[in-house]
Amino acid sequence: MPLPESAILDRAHRLGERLTAQRLSRNLTQRQLADSAAVSLNTLRRLEGGENASLDTLIRVLEALDLGDRLDALAPPADVRPVDRVRNTAGAERKRATGTGHGEPATPWSWGDDA
């Protein structure tokens, strides 16, 4: 079920507030951040105000705030499930599935009526 418009607007507003807080924690003016991100001042104001902005703008601003690495958390690669990452204690990604067979048995199997 899709989110109601009010929930989307609320999330956009909270994201804008967080971006503003990040900018202020770095003691940057809106003009400085806009210049660093190569976006217009009005575009940055819209983004911080929770108004519609492009994905390109969001990425530019996050990179200018040195938060670009957090984008990976939004949509992690689907090739490895989070539970597999926890189980993987060696720290290396799986390259292939483990086979079920372990070679030929030491003695061939039979029903036992030949003995």
C-alpha atoms as a PDB file:
ATOM      1  CA  MET A   1       0.000   0.000   0.000  1.00  0.00           C
ATOM      2  CA  PRO A   2       1.505   3.352  -0.989  1.00  0.00           C
ATOM      3  CA  LEU A   3       2.331   5.937   1.651  1.00  0.00           C
ATOM      4  CA  PRO A   4      -0.135   8.774   2.047  1.00  0.00           C
ATOM      5  CA  GLU A   5       1.021  12.113   0.667  1.00  0.00           C
ATOM      6  CA  SER A   6       1.167  13.579   4.188  1.00  0.00           C
ATOM      7  CA  ALA A   7       3.667  10.894   5.293  1.00  0.00           C
ATOM      8  CA  ILE A   8       5.876  11.565   2.288  1.00  0.00           C
ATOM      9  CA  LEU A   9       5.825  15.315   2.932  1.00  0.00           C
ATOM     10  CA  ASP A  10       6.652  14.710   6.606  1.00  0.00           C
ATOM     11  CA  ARG A  11       9.647  12.537   5.696  1.00  0.00           C
ATOM     12  CA  ALA A  12      10.876  15.105   3.174  1.00  0.00           C
ATOM     13  CA  HIS A  13      10.596  17.827   5.813  1.00  0.00           C
ATOM     14  CA  ARG A  14      12.551  15.755   8.374  1.00  0.00           C
ATOM     15  CA  LEU A  15      15.240  14.998   5.770  1.00  0.00           C
ATOM     16  CA  GLY A  16      15.542  18.723   5.043  1.00  0.00           C
ATOM     17  CA  GLU A  17      15.907  19.448   8.755  1.00  0.00           C
ATOM     18  CA  ARG A  18      18.652  16.833   9.071  1.00  0.00           C
ATOM     19  CA  LEU A  19      20.514  18.262   6.102  1.00  0.00           C
ATOM     20  CA  THR A  20      20.271  21.724   7.663  1.00  0.00           C
ATOM     21  CA  ALA A  21      21.619  20.353  10.960  1.00  0.00           C
ATOM     22  CA  GLN A  22      24.522  18.676   9.141  1.00  0.00           C
ATOM     23  CA  ARG A  23      25.341  21.926   7.327  1.00  0.00           C
ATOM     24  CA  LEU A  24      25.209  23.941  10.550  1.00  0.00           C
ATOM     25  CA  SER A  25      27.330  21.394  12.425  1.00  0.00           C
ATOM     26  CA  ARG A  26      30.020  22.053   9.811  1.00  0.00           C
ATOM     27  CA  ASN A  27      29.579  25.810  10.272  1.00  0.00           C
ATOM     28  CA  LEU A  28      28.643  26.313   6.615  1.00  0.00           C
ATOM     29  CA  THR A  29      26.300  28.919   5.227  1.00  0.00           C
ATOM     30  CA  GLN A  30      23.718  27.918   2.653  1.00  0.00           C
ATOM     31  CA  ARG A  31      25.726  29.846   0.052  1.00  0.00           C
ATOM     32  CA  GLN A  32      28.936  27.948   0.905  1.00  0.00           C
ATOM     33  CA  LEU A  33      27.222  24.562   0.730  1.00  0.00           C
ATOM     34  CA  ALA A  34      25.398  25.451  -2.483  1.00  0.00           C
ATOM     35  CA  ASP A  35      28.697  26.508  -4.094  1.00  0.00           C
ATOM     36  CA  SER A  36      30.476  23.388  -2.847  1.00  0.00           C
ATOM     37  CA  ALA A  37      27.675  21.135  -4.129  1.00  0.00           C
ATOM     38  CA  ALA A  38      27.417  23.035  -7.441  1.00  0.00           C
ATOM     39  CA  VAL A  39      23.707  23.721  -6.979  1.00  0.00           C
ATOM     40  CA  SER A  40      21.861  27.008  -6.852  1.00  0.00           C
ATOM     41  CA  LEU A  41      21.106  28.655  -3.531  1.00  0.00           C
ATOM     42  CA  ASN A  42      17.356  28.403  -4.188  1.00  0.00           C
ATOM     43  CA  THR A  43      17.669  24.677  -4.936  1.00  0.00           C
ATOM     44  CA  LEU A  44      19.491  24.101  -1.645  1.00  0.00           C
ATOM     45  CA  ARG A  45      16.849  26.127   0.193  1.00  0.00           C
ATOM     46  CA  ARG A  46      14.114  23.980  -1.343  1.00  0.00           C
ATOM     47  CA  LEU A  47      15.949  20.783  -0.349  1.00  0.00           C
ATOM     48  CA  GLU A  48      16.487  21.968   3.228  1.00  0.00           C
ATOM     49  CA  GLY A  49      12.858  23.078   3.357  1.00  0.00           C
ATOM     50  CA  GLY A  50      11.684  19.577   2.500  1.00  0.00           C
ATOM     51  CA  GLU A  51      10.399  20.640  -0.886  1.00  0.00           C
ATOM     52  CA  ASN A  52      10.776  18.704  -4.102  1.00  0.00           C
ATOM     53  CA  ALA A  53      14.364  18.464  -5.345  1.00  0.00           C
ATOM     54  CA  SER A  54      16.055  16.150  -7.783  1.00  0.00           C
ATOM     55  CA  LEU A  55      17.982  13.042  -6.835  1.00  0.00           C
ATOM     56  CA  ASP A  56      20.995  14.645  -8.474  1.00  0.00           C
ATOM     57  CA  THR A  57      20.718  17.587  -6.071  1.00  0.00           C
ATOM     58  CA  LEU A  58      20.454  15.320  -3.039  1.00  0.00           C
ATOM     59  CA  ILE A  59      23.534  13.354  -4.098  1.00  0.00           C
ATOM     60  CA  ARG A  60      25.539  16.531  -4.744  1.00  0.00           C
ATOM     61  CA  VAL A  61      24.649  17.973  -1.344  1.00  0.00           C
ATOM     62  CA  LEU A  62      25.391  14.716   0.489  1.00  0.00           C
ATOM     63  CA  GLU A  63      28.774  14.485  -1.244  1.00  0.00           C
ATOM     64  CA  ALA A  64      29.558  18.109  -0.355  1.00  0.00           C
ATOM     65  CA  LEU A  65      28.739  17.287   3.287  1.00  0.00           C
ATOM     66  CA  ASP A  66      30.971  14.171   3.116  1.00  0.00           C
ATOM     67  CA  LEU A  67      27.905  11.977   3.609  1.00  0.00           C
ATOM     68  CA  GLY A  68      27.922  10.314   0.195  1.00  0.00           C
ATOM     69  CA  ASP A  69      28.920   6.956   1.670  1.00  0.00           C
ATOM     70  CA  ARG A  70      25.572   6.833   3.472  1.00  0.00           C
ATOM     71  CA  LEU A  71      23.783   6.456   0.155  1.00  0.00           C
ATOM     72  CA  ASP A  72      24.873   2.810   0.067  1.00  0.00           C
ATOM     73  CA  ALA A  73      22.769   2.143   3.153  1.00  0.00           C
ATOM     74  CA  LEU A  74      19.640   3.308   1.339  1.00  0.00           C
ATOM     75  CA  ALA A  75      19.791   0.531  -1.217  1.00  0.00           C
ATOM     76  CA  PRO A  76      22.401  -2.105  -0.357  1.00  0.00           C
ATOM     77  CA  PRO A  77      23.414  -4.620  -3.023  1.00  0.00           C
ATOM     78  CA  ALA A  78      20.893  -7.434  -3.295  1.00  0.00           C
ATOM     79  CA  ASP A  79      23.467 -10.113  -4.081  1.00  0.00           C
ATOM     80  CA  VAL A  80      24.191 -10.833  -0.409  1.00  0.00           C
ATOM     81  CA  ARG A  81      21.466 -10.878   2.221  1.00  0.00           C
ATOM     82  CA  PRO A  82      22.170  -9.132   5.558  1.00  0.00           C
ATOM     83  CA  VAL A  83      21.841 -12.434   7.436  1.00  0.00           C
ATOM     84  CA  ASP A  84      24.572 -13.904   5.209  1.00  0.00           C
ATOM     85  CA  ARG A  85      26.854 -11.009   6.118  1.00  0.00           C
ATOM     86  CA  VAL A  86      26.345 -11.720   9.824  1.00  0.00           C
ATOM     87  CA  ARG A  87      26.978 -15.442   9.392  1.00  0.00           C
ATOM     88  CA  ASN A  88      30.112 -14.808   7.351  1.00  0.00           C
ATOM     89  CA  THR A  89      32.697 -14.583  10.136  1.00  0.00           C
ATOM     90  CA  ALA A  90      35.713 -14.720   7.841  1.00  0.00           C
ATOM     91  CA  GLY A  91      34.781 -11.366   6.297  1.00  0.00           C
ATOM     92  CA  ALA A  92      34.968 -12.572   2.691  1.00  0.00           C
ATOM     93  CA  GLU A  93      31.977 -12.645   0.363  1.00  0.00           C
ATOM     94  CA  ARG A  94      30.823 -16.039  -0.867  1.00  0.00           C
ATOM     95  CA  LYS A  95      31.985 -16.754  -4.389  1.00  0.00           C
ATOM     96  CA  ARG A  96      29.955 -19.914  -5.044  1.00  0.00           C
ATOM     97  CA  ALA A  97      27.695 -22.414  -3.361  1.00  0.00           C
ATOM     98  CA  THR A  98      29.152 -25.360  -1.524  1.00  0.00           C
ATOM     99  CA  GLY A  99      28.543 -28.701  -3.226  1.00  0.00           C
ATOM    100  CA  THR A 100      26.614 -31.376  -1.359  1.00  0.00           C
ATOM    101  CA  GLY A 101      28.755 -34.318  -2.448  1.00  0.00           C
ATOM    102  CA  HIS A 102      32.098 -35.105  -0.872  1.00  0.00           C
ATOM    103  CA  GLY A 103      33.453 -37.555  -3.411  1.00  0.00           C
ATOM    104  CA  GLU A 104      32.822 -41.298  -3.718  1.00  0.00           C
ATOM    105  CA  PRO A 105      32.003 -43.275  -0.551  1.00  0.00           C
ATOM    106  CA  ALA A 106      34.752 -45.568   0.769  1.00  0.00           C
ATOM    107  CA  THR A 107      32.654 -48.692   0.125  1.00  0.00           C
ATOM    108  CA  PRO A 108      29.864 -49.007  -2.397  1.00  0.00           C
ATOM    109  CA  TRP A 109      26.371 -49.169  -0.936  1.00  0.00           C
ATOM    110  CA  SER A 110      24.243 -52.289  -1.353  1.00  0.00           C
ATOM    111  CA  TRP A 111      20.991 -53.722   0.030  1.00  0.00           C
ATOM    112  CA  GLY A 112      22.840 -56.282   2.014  1.00  0.00           C
ATOM    113  CA  ASP A 113      21.227 -59.335   0.420  1.00  0.00           C
ATOM    114  CA  ASP A 114      24.427 -60.186  -1.485  1.00  0.00           C
ATOM    115  CA  ALA A 115      26.333 -61.055   1.658  1.00  0.00           C
END
